Amino acid sequence: MADKKITKEDLTKKFEAIEEGVTQAASKAAPAVPMVASAVGAVVFVVALYIGYRLGKKRSTIVEVTRL
């Protein structure tokens, strides 16, 4: 078994490496965020229109006018 103890410097190096990886991933993903957000907004808008159209058809009143 290894008797090597974990030091503060070991932890600091590892946390810095993790932070650098997260920062790089975030910088690569940043340009895609507006595009994804607009696509999600468009899908929500279309779904809301479809649901509104269906509810409007179900709840609309039909009036028949007949002559006597």
N, C-alpha and C. Protein backbone atom coordinates (compact mmCIF):
# COMPACT_ATOMS: atom_id res chain seq x y z
N MET A 1 0.84 -1.18 0.00
CA MET A 1 0.00 0.00 0.00
C MET A 1 0.89 1.25 0.00
N ALA A 2 0.38 2.28 -0.58
CA ALA A 2 1.13 3.54 -0.65
C ALA A 2 0.91 4.33 0.63
N ASP A 3 1.99 4.82 1.17
CA ASP A 3 1.91 5.63 2.38
C ASP A 3 1.96 7.12 2.07
N LYS A 4 1.73 7.47 0.81
CA LYS A 4 1.79 8.86 0.41
C LYS A 4 0.55 9.59 0.92
N LYS A 5 0.76 10.73 1.56
CA LYS A 5 -0.35 11.52 2.07
C LYS A 5 -0.73 12.59 1.06
N ILE A 6 -1.98 12.94 1.06
CA ILE A 6 -2.48 13.98 0.17
C ILE A 6 -2.20 15.33 0.82
N THR A 7 -1.53 16.18 0.08
CA THR A 7 -1.17 17.49 0.63
C THR A 7 -2.09 18.57 0.06
N LYS A 8 -1.98 19.73 0.65
CA LYS A 8 -2.76 20.86 0.20
C LYS A 8 -2.42 21.23 -1.24
N GLU A 9 -1.17 21.11 -1.62
CA GLU A 9 -0.73 21.42 -2.97
C GLU A 9 -1.35 20.45 -3.99
N ASP A 10 -1.44 19.16 -3.60
CA ASP A 10 -2.07 18.17 -4.49
C ASP A 10 -3.52 18.54 -4.77
N LEU A 11 -4.22 18.90 -3.71
CA LEU A 11 -5.63 19.28 -3.87
C LEU A 11 -5.75 20.55 -4.71
N THR A 12 -4.89 21.51 -4.46
CA THR A 12 -4.94 22.76 -5.21
C THR A 12 -4.71 22.52 -6.70
N LYS A 13 -3.73 21.69 -7.03
CA LYS A 13 -3.45 21.39 -8.44
C LYS A 13 -4.64 20.71 -9.10
N LYS A 14 -5.24 19.76 -8.41
CA LYS A 14 -6.36 19.02 -8.99
C LYS A 14 -7.57 19.95 -9.19
N PHE A 15 -7.86 20.78 -8.20
CA PHE A 15 -9.00 21.71 -8.33
C PHE A 15 -8.77 22.72 -9.45
N GLU A 16 -7.53 23.18 -9.62
CA GLU A 16 -7.22 24.10 -10.71
C GLU A 16 -7.40 23.42 -12.06
N ALA A 17 -7.02 22.15 -12.16
CA ALA A 17 -7.20 21.42 -13.41
C ALA A 17 -8.68 21.24 -13.73
N ILE A 18 -9.47 20.93 -12.72
CA ILE A 18 -10.92 20.78 -12.93
C ILE A 18 -11.54 22.10 -13.34
N GLU A 19 -11.15 23.18 -12.65
CA GLU A 19 -11.69 24.50 -12.97
C GLU A 19 -11.34 24.92 -14.39
N GLU A 20 -10.13 24.62 -14.82
CA GLU A 20 -9.71 24.95 -16.18
C GLU A 20 -10.54 24.18 -17.21
N GLY A 21 -10.80 22.92 -16.94
CA GLY A 21 -11.63 22.12 -17.85
C GLY A 21 -13.04 22.65 -17.95
N VAL A 22 -13.62 23.04 -16.82
CA VAL A 22 -14.98 23.58 -16.82
C VAL A 22 -15.02 24.92 -17.56
N THR A 23 -14.02 25.74 -17.36
CA THR A 23 -13.96 27.04 -18.03
C THR A 23 -13.85 26.86 -19.54
N GLN A 24 -13.04 25.91 -19.99
CA GLN A 24 -12.90 25.66 -21.43
C GLN A 24 -14.21 25.14 -22.02
N ALA A 25 -14.88 24.25 -21.30
CA ALA A 25 -16.15 23.71 -21.80
C ALA A 25 -17.20 24.81 -21.89
N ALA A 26 -17.23 25.69 -20.91
CA ALA A 26 -18.21 26.78 -20.92
C ALA A 26 -17.93 27.76 -22.06
N SER A 27 -16.67 28.02 -22.33
CA SER A 27 -16.34 28.96 -23.40
C SER A 27 -16.67 28.36 -24.77
N LYS A 28 -16.57 27.05 -24.91
CA LYS A 28 -16.94 26.40 -26.17
C LYS A 28 -18.44 26.38 -26.37
N ALA A 29 -19.20 26.25 -25.29
CA ALA A 29 -20.65 26.14 -25.38
C ALA A 29 -21.34 27.50 -25.47
N ALA A 30 -20.66 28.57 -25.14
CA ALA A 30 -21.27 29.90 -25.08
C ALA A 30 -21.90 30.34 -26.40
N PRO A 31 -21.30 30.13 -27.57
CA PRO A 31 -21.94 30.59 -28.81
C PRO A 31 -23.23 29.84 -29.14
N ALA A 32 -23.41 28.64 -28.64
CA ALA A 32 -24.59 27.85 -28.97
C ALA A 32 -25.79 28.22 -28.10
N VAL A 33 -25.58 28.90 -27.00
CA VAL A 33 -26.66 29.19 -26.07
C VAL A 33 -27.77 30.03 -26.71
N PRO A 34 -27.48 31.14 -27.38
CA PRO A 34 -28.58 31.92 -27.98
C PRO A 34 -29.36 31.14 -29.04
N MET A 35 -28.67 30.32 -29.81
CA MET A 35 -29.34 29.54 -30.84
C MET A 35 -30.28 28.51 -30.22
N VAL A 36 -29.82 27.84 -29.19
CA VAL A 36 -30.66 26.85 -28.52
C VAL A 36 -31.84 27.53 -27.84
N ALA A 37 -31.62 28.68 -27.21
CA ALA A 37 -32.69 29.39 -26.54
C ALA A 37 -33.76 29.85 -27.54
N SER A 38 -33.35 30.33 -28.69
CA SER A 38 -34.33 30.77 -29.68
C SER A 38 -35.09 29.58 -30.26
N ALA A 39 -34.44 28.45 -30.43
CA ALA A 39 -35.13 27.26 -30.93
C ALA A 39 -36.16 26.77 -29.92
N VAL A 40 -35.80 26.76 -28.65
CA VAL A 40 -36.75 26.35 -27.61
C VAL A 40 -37.92 27.33 -27.55
N GLY A 41 -37.65 28.62 -27.68
CA GLY A 41 -38.71 29.61 -27.67
C GLY A 41 -39.67 29.42 -28.83
N ALA A 42 -39.13 29.12 -30.01
CA ALA A 42 -39.98 28.89 -31.18
C ALA A 42 -40.86 27.66 -30.99
N VAL A 43 -40.30 26.61 -30.43
CA VAL A 43 -41.08 25.39 -30.20
C VAL A 43 -42.19 25.65 -29.19
N VAL A 44 -41.89 26.37 -28.12
CA VAL A 44 -42.91 26.70 -27.12
C VAL A 44 -44.01 27.54 -27.76
N PHE A 45 -43.64 28.48 -28.62
CA PHE A 45 -44.62 29.33 -29.28
C PHE A 45 -45.55 28.50 -30.18
N VAL A 46 -44.98 27.60 -30.96
CA VAL A 46 -45.79 26.77 -31.87
C VAL A 46 -46.72 25.85 -31.07
N VAL A 47 -46.22 25.27 -30.00
CA VAL A 47 -47.05 24.40 -29.16
C VAL A 47 -48.19 25.20 -28.54
N ALA A 48 -47.91 26.41 -28.07
CA ALA A 48 -48.96 27.25 -27.48
C ALA A 48 -50.02 27.60 -28.53
N LEU A 49 -49.61 27.90 -29.75
CA LEU A 49 -50.57 28.19 -30.81
C LEU A 49 -51.45 26.97 -31.10
N TYR A 50 -50.84 25.81 -31.18
CA TYR A 50 -51.58 24.58 -31.47
C TYR A 50 -52.59 24.28 -30.37
N ILE A 51 -52.16 24.39 -29.11
CA ILE A 51 -53.08 24.13 -27.99
C ILE A 51 -54.21 25.15 -27.99
N GLY A 52 -53.90 26.41 -28.24
CA GLY A 52 -54.93 27.44 -28.30
C GLY A 52 -55.93 27.20 -29.42
N TYR A 53 -55.44 26.75 -30.56
CA TYR A 53 -56.31 26.45 -31.68
C TYR A 53 -57.25 25.31 -31.34
N ARG A 54 -56.74 24.27 -30.73
CA ARG A 54 -57.58 23.13 -30.36
C ARG A 54 -58.61 23.50 -29.31
N LEU A 55 -58.19 24.25 -28.29
CA LEU A 55 -59.14 24.66 -27.25
C LEU A 55 -60.20 25.58 -27.83
N GLY A 56 -59.83 26.42 -28.77
CA GLY A 56 -60.79 27.31 -29.40
C GLY A 56 -61.84 26.54 -30.18
N LYS A 57 -61.44 25.47 -30.83
CA LYS A 57 -62.40 24.66 -31.57
C LYS A 57 -63.34 23.92 -30.63
N LYS A 58 -62.82 23.44 -29.51
CA LYS A 58 -63.63 22.68 -28.57
C LYS A 58 -64.65 23.57 -27.84
N ARG A 59 -64.25 24.77 -27.51
CA ARG A 59 -65.09 25.64 -26.69
C ARG A 59 -65.92 26.63 -27.49
N SER A 60 -65.86 26.59 -28.80
CA SER A 60 -66.61 27.56 -29.59
C SER A 60 -68.08 27.14 -29.67
N THR A 61 -68.91 28.13 -29.69
CA THR A 61 -70.35 27.90 -29.75
C THR A 61 -70.81 27.93 -31.20
N ILE A 62 -71.66 26.98 -31.54
CA ILE A 62 -72.22 26.95 -32.89
C ILE A 62 -73.67 27.42 -32.78
N VAL A 63 -74.00 28.42 -33.52
CA VAL A 63 -75.36 28.98 -33.50
C VAL A 63 -75.99 28.68 -34.85
N GLU A 64 -77.14 28.01 -34.81
CA GLU A 64 -77.87 27.73 -36.03
C GLU A 64 -79.06 28.69 -36.13
N VAL A 65 -79.18 29.29 -37.25
CA VAL A 65 -80.30 30.20 -37.46
C VAL A 65 -81.24 29.53 -38.45
N THR A 66 -82.47 29.38 -38.03
CA THR A 66 -83.48 28.76 -38.92
C THR A 66 -84.63 29.74 -39.09
N ARG A 67 -85.26 29.65 -40.24
CA ARG A 67 -86.43 30.49 -40.49
C ARG A 67 -87.67 29.69 -40.18
N LEU A 68 -88.60 30.35 -39.62
CA LEU A 68 -89.87 29.71 -39.30
C LEU A 68 -90.88 29.90 -40.39
